[in-house]
Amino acid sequence: MEGFGTALFAAVIVGLLNVTLGMVLHFLFFPLTILTLGLAYLLVNALMLWLAGKLVPGFRVAGLWPACLGAAVLYMLHFIIEWC
């Protein structure tokens, strides 16, 4: 499974992970998020992307830094969509 189908399946998995496990991790990391001025929030989202890369065949996240970059891009897209 390659291409658009993999991307769509990965998006669904990332969404489900963020709704379930992501909410729990955001709650647990909230004090650290306050101390780091939001950096821990980005790391939790990067962890969700990395985990989706492990769960979805054909979707690969090469490591921590690419996951952080992907989380930052997703955050920026979310910000732009909310702003418009």
N, C-alpha and C. Protein backbone atom coordinates (compact mmCIF):
# COMPACT_ATOMS: atom_id res chain seq x y z
N MET A 1 0.85 -1.17 0.00
CA MET A 1 0.00 0.00 0.00
C MET A 1 0.90 1.23 0.00
N GLU A 2 0.86 1.97 -1.05
CA GLU A 2 1.68 3.17 -1.18
C GLU A 2 0.83 4.32 -1.69
N GLY A 3 1.34 5.52 -1.53
CA GLY A 3 0.71 6.68 -2.12
C GLY A 3 -0.39 7.28 -1.27
N PHE A 4 -1.46 7.68 -1.94
CA PHE A 4 -2.54 8.41 -1.29
C PHE A 4 -3.24 7.58 -0.23
N GLY A 5 -3.43 6.30 -0.49
CA GLY A 5 -4.09 5.42 0.48
C GLY A 5 -3.31 5.33 1.78
N THR A 6 -1.99 5.23 1.68
CA THR A 6 -1.15 5.19 2.87
C THR A 6 -1.21 6.50 3.63
N ALA A 7 -1.16 7.61 2.91
CA ALA A 7 -1.22 8.92 3.54
C ALA A 7 -2.56 9.12 4.26
N LEU A 8 -3.63 8.69 3.63
CA LEU A 8 -4.96 8.83 4.24
C LEU A 8 -5.08 7.94 5.48
N PHE A 9 -4.60 6.72 5.39
CA PHE A 9 -4.63 5.81 6.53
C PHE A 9 -3.75 6.35 7.67
N ALA A 10 -2.58 6.88 7.34
CA ALA A 10 -1.70 7.47 8.36
C ALA A 10 -2.36 8.67 9.02
N ALA A 11 -3.07 9.48 8.25
CA ALA A 11 -3.76 10.64 8.82
C ALA A 11 -4.85 10.20 9.80
N VAL A 12 -5.57 9.14 9.45
CA VAL A 12 -6.60 8.63 10.35
C VAL A 12 -5.97 8.10 11.63
N ILE A 13 -4.88 7.37 11.51
CA ILE A 13 -4.20 6.81 12.68
C ILE A 13 -3.64 7.93 13.56
N VAL A 14 -3.02 8.93 12.96
CA VAL A 14 -2.51 10.07 13.75
C VAL A 14 -3.65 10.76 14.48
N GLY A 15 -4.76 10.94 13.81
CA GLY A 15 -5.93 11.56 14.44
C GLY A 15 -6.45 10.74 15.61
N LEU A 16 -6.56 9.44 15.41
CA LEU A 16 -7.02 8.57 16.50
C LEU A 16 -6.04 8.55 17.67
N LEU A 17 -4.75 8.52 17.36
CA LEU A 17 -3.75 8.56 18.43
C LEU A 17 -3.82 9.87 19.21
N ASN A 18 -4.01 10.98 18.49
CA ASN A 18 -4.09 12.27 19.18
C ASN A 18 -5.33 12.37 20.06
N VAL A 19 -6.43 11.79 19.61
CA VAL A 19 -7.67 11.84 20.38
C VAL A 19 -7.59 10.96 21.62
N THR A 20 -6.94 9.82 21.53
CA THR A 20 -6.91 8.87 22.65
C THR A 20 -5.64 9.06 23.49
N LEU A 21 -4.57 8.51 23.03
CA LEU A 21 -3.31 8.54 23.78
C LEU A 21 -2.75 9.96 23.90
N GLY A 22 -2.94 10.77 22.87
CA GLY A 22 -2.43 12.13 22.90
C GLY A 22 -3.05 12.97 24.00
N MET A 23 -4.34 12.81 24.21
CA MET A 23 -5.02 13.56 25.27
C MET A 23 -4.47 13.19 26.65
N VAL A 24 -4.24 11.91 26.86
CA VAL A 24 -3.69 11.46 28.14
C VAL A 24 -2.28 12.02 28.32
N LEU A 25 -1.46 11.95 27.29
CA LEU A 25 -0.10 12.47 27.40
C LEU A 25 -0.07 13.98 27.56
N HIS A 26 -0.96 14.69 26.87
CA HIS A 26 -1.03 16.15 27.06
C HIS A 26 -1.41 16.50 28.49
N PHE A 27 -2.31 15.74 29.07
CA PHE A 27 -2.70 15.97 30.46
C PHE A 27 -1.53 15.69 31.41
N LEU A 28 -0.83 14.58 31.17
CA LEU A 28 0.30 14.23 32.04
C LEU A 28 1.48 15.19 31.89
N PHE A 29 1.69 15.68 30.68
CA PHE A 29 2.82 16.56 30.42
C PHE A 29 2.49 18.03 30.60
N PHE A 30 1.28 18.34 31.06
CA PHE A 30 0.88 19.75 31.19
C PHE A 30 1.83 20.58 32.06
N PRO A 31 2.26 20.09 33.23
CA PRO A 31 3.21 20.90 34.01
C PRO A 31 4.52 21.14 33.26
N LEU A 32 5.01 20.12 32.55
CA LEU A 32 6.23 20.29 31.77
C LEU A 32 6.00 21.24 30.59
N THR A 33 4.81 21.22 30.04
CA THR A 33 4.47 22.13 28.95
C THR A 33 4.51 23.58 29.43
N ILE A 34 4.02 23.82 30.62
CA ILE A 34 4.08 25.17 31.19
C ILE A 34 5.52 25.60 31.41
N LEU A 35 6.33 24.70 31.96
CA LEU A 35 7.73 25.04 32.24
C LEU A 35 8.54 25.29 30.98
N THR A 36 8.23 24.55 29.90
CA THR A 36 9.00 24.69 28.66
C THR A 36 8.33 25.62 27.66
N LEU A 37 7.29 26.32 28.08
CA LEU A 37 6.57 27.27 27.25
C LEU A 37 6.04 26.63 25.96
N GLY A 38 5.53 25.41 26.07
CA GLY A 38 4.88 24.74 24.96
C GLY A 38 5.73 23.74 24.21
N LEU A 39 7.00 23.63 24.52
CA LEU A 39 7.86 22.70 23.80
C LEU A 39 7.45 21.25 24.05
N ALA A 40 7.01 20.92 25.24
CA ALA A 40 6.58 19.56 25.55
C ALA A 40 5.35 19.19 24.71
N TYR A 41 4.49 20.14 24.41
CA TYR A 41 3.32 19.90 23.56
C TYR A 41 3.78 19.44 22.17
N LEU A 42 4.79 20.09 21.65
CA LEU A 42 5.35 19.73 20.35
C LEU A 42 5.96 18.33 20.40
N LEU A 43 6.62 18.00 21.49
CA LEU A 43 7.24 16.68 21.62
C LEU A 43 6.19 15.58 21.73
N VAL A 44 5.09 15.82 22.38
CA VAL A 44 4.01 14.83 22.46
C VAL A 44 3.44 14.60 21.07
N ASN A 45 3.25 15.66 20.30
CA ASN A 45 2.75 15.50 18.94
C ASN A 45 3.76 14.76 18.05
N ALA A 46 5.05 15.03 18.26
CA ALA A 46 6.08 14.30 17.53
C ALA A 46 6.06 12.82 17.89
N LEU A 47 5.81 12.52 19.15
CA LEU A 47 5.70 11.13 19.59
C LEU A 47 4.51 10.45 18.92
N MET A 48 3.41 11.16 18.75
CA MET A 48 2.24 10.59 18.08
C MET A 48 2.56 10.30 16.61
N LEU A 49 3.29 11.19 15.95
CA LEU A 49 3.70 10.94 14.56
C LEU A 49 4.63 9.73 14.47
N TRP A 50 5.58 9.64 15.40
CA TRP A 50 6.53 8.53 15.40
C TRP A 50 5.79 7.21 15.61
N LEU A 51 4.84 7.21 16.55
CA LEU A 51 4.07 6.00 16.83
C LEU A 51 3.22 5.60 15.62
N ALA A 52 2.65 6.58 14.93
CA ALA A 52 1.90 6.28 13.71
C ALA A 52 2.82 5.68 12.64
N GLY A 53 4.05 6.16 12.59
CA GLY A 53 5.02 5.59 11.66
C GLY A 53 5.33 4.14 11.96
N LYS A 54 5.26 3.77 13.22
CA LYS A 54 5.48 2.37 13.60
C LYS A 54 4.26 1.50 13.32
N LEU A 55 3.06 2.09 13.38
CA LEU A 55 1.83 1.31 13.24
C LEU A 55 1.35 1.17 11.79
N VAL A 56 1.62 2.15 10.95
CA VAL A 56 1.09 2.16 9.59
C VAL A 56 2.16 1.65 8.62
N PRO A 57 1.87 0.53 7.94
CA PRO A 57 2.83 0.06 6.94
C PRO A 57 2.90 1.03 5.76
N GLY A 58 4.11 1.35 5.34
CA GLY A 58 4.30 2.28 4.24
C GLY A 58 4.47 3.72 4.66
N PHE A 59 4.21 4.03 5.92
CA PHE A 59 4.39 5.38 6.46
C PHE A 59 5.56 5.32 7.43
N ARG A 60 6.62 6.07 7.13
CA ARG A 60 7.83 5.96 7.93
C ARG A 60 8.26 7.34 8.42
N VAL A 61 8.61 7.39 9.69
CA VAL A 61 9.18 8.60 10.28
C VAL A 61 10.62 8.24 10.65
N ALA A 62 11.59 8.97 10.10
CA ALA A 62 12.99 8.57 10.17
C ALA A 62 13.63 8.75 11.54
N GLY A 63 13.02 9.50 12.44
CA GLY A 63 13.62 9.70 13.75
C GLY A 63 12.94 10.82 14.51
N LEU A 64 13.59 11.24 15.59
CA LEU A 64 13.01 12.26 16.45
C LEU A 64 12.93 13.62 15.75
N TRP A 65 14.00 14.05 15.11
CA TRP A 65 14.00 15.37 14.49
C TRP A 65 13.01 15.48 13.33
N PRO A 66 12.93 14.47 12.45
CA PRO A 66 11.88 14.56 11.43
C PRO A 66 10.47 14.54 12.03
N ALA A 67 10.28 13.81 13.12
CA ALA A 67 8.96 13.81 13.78
C ALA A 67 8.66 15.18 14.37
N CYS A 68 9.66 15.83 14.96
CA CYS A 68 9.47 17.18 15.50
C CYS A 68 9.16 18.17 14.38
N LEU A 69 9.87 18.04 13.27
CA LEU A 69 9.61 18.92 12.12
C LEU A 69 8.19 18.70 11.59
N GLY A 70 7.79 17.44 11.48
CA GLY A 70 6.43 17.13 11.03
C GLY A 70 5.38 17.67 11.98
N ALA A 71 5.63 17.56 13.29
CA ALA A 71 4.69 18.09 14.27
C ALA A 71 4.61 19.61 14.17
N ALA A 72 5.74 20.26 13.92
CA ALA A 72 5.75 21.72 13.78
C ALA A 72 4.97 22.15 12.53
N VAL A 73 5.14 21.41 11.44
CA VAL A 73 4.41 21.72 10.21
C VAL A 73 2.91 21.52 10.43
N LEU A 74 2.53 20.43 11.08
CA LEU A 74 1.12 20.21 11.37
C LEU A 74 0.55 21.30 12.27
N TYR A 75 1.34 21.76 13.23
CA TYR A 75 0.89 22.85 14.10
C TYR A 75 0.67 24.13 13.30
N MET A 76 1.60 24.43 12.41
CA MET A 76 1.47 25.64 11.58
C MET A 76 0.25 25.55 10.67
N LEU A 77 0.02 24.39 10.07
CA LEU A 77 -1.17 24.22 9.22
C LEU A 77 -2.44 24.38 10.03
N HIS A 78 -2.46 23.80 11.22
CA HIS A 78 -3.63 23.94 12.10
C HIS A 78 -3.86 25.41 12.46
N PHE A 79 -2.79 26.13 12.75
CA PHE A 79 -2.88 27.55 13.08
C PHE A 79 -3.44 28.35 11.91
N ILE A 80 -2.95 28.07 10.71
CA ILE A 80 -3.40 28.80 9.53
C ILE A 80 -4.88 28.50 9.25
N ILE A 81 -5.28 27.24 9.38
CA ILE A 81 -6.68 26.87 9.14
C ILE A 81 -7.59 27.54 10.17
N GLU A 82 -7.18 27.56 11.43
CA GLU A 82 -7.98 28.20 12.47
C GLU A 82 -8.06 29.71 12.26
N TRP A 83 -7.01 30.33 11.75
CA TRP A 83 -6.93 31.76 11.57
C TRP A 83 -7.84 32.23 10.43
N CYS A 84 -7.95 31.41 9.39
CA CYS A 84 -8.75 31.80 8.20
C CYS A 84 -10.21 31.66 8.41
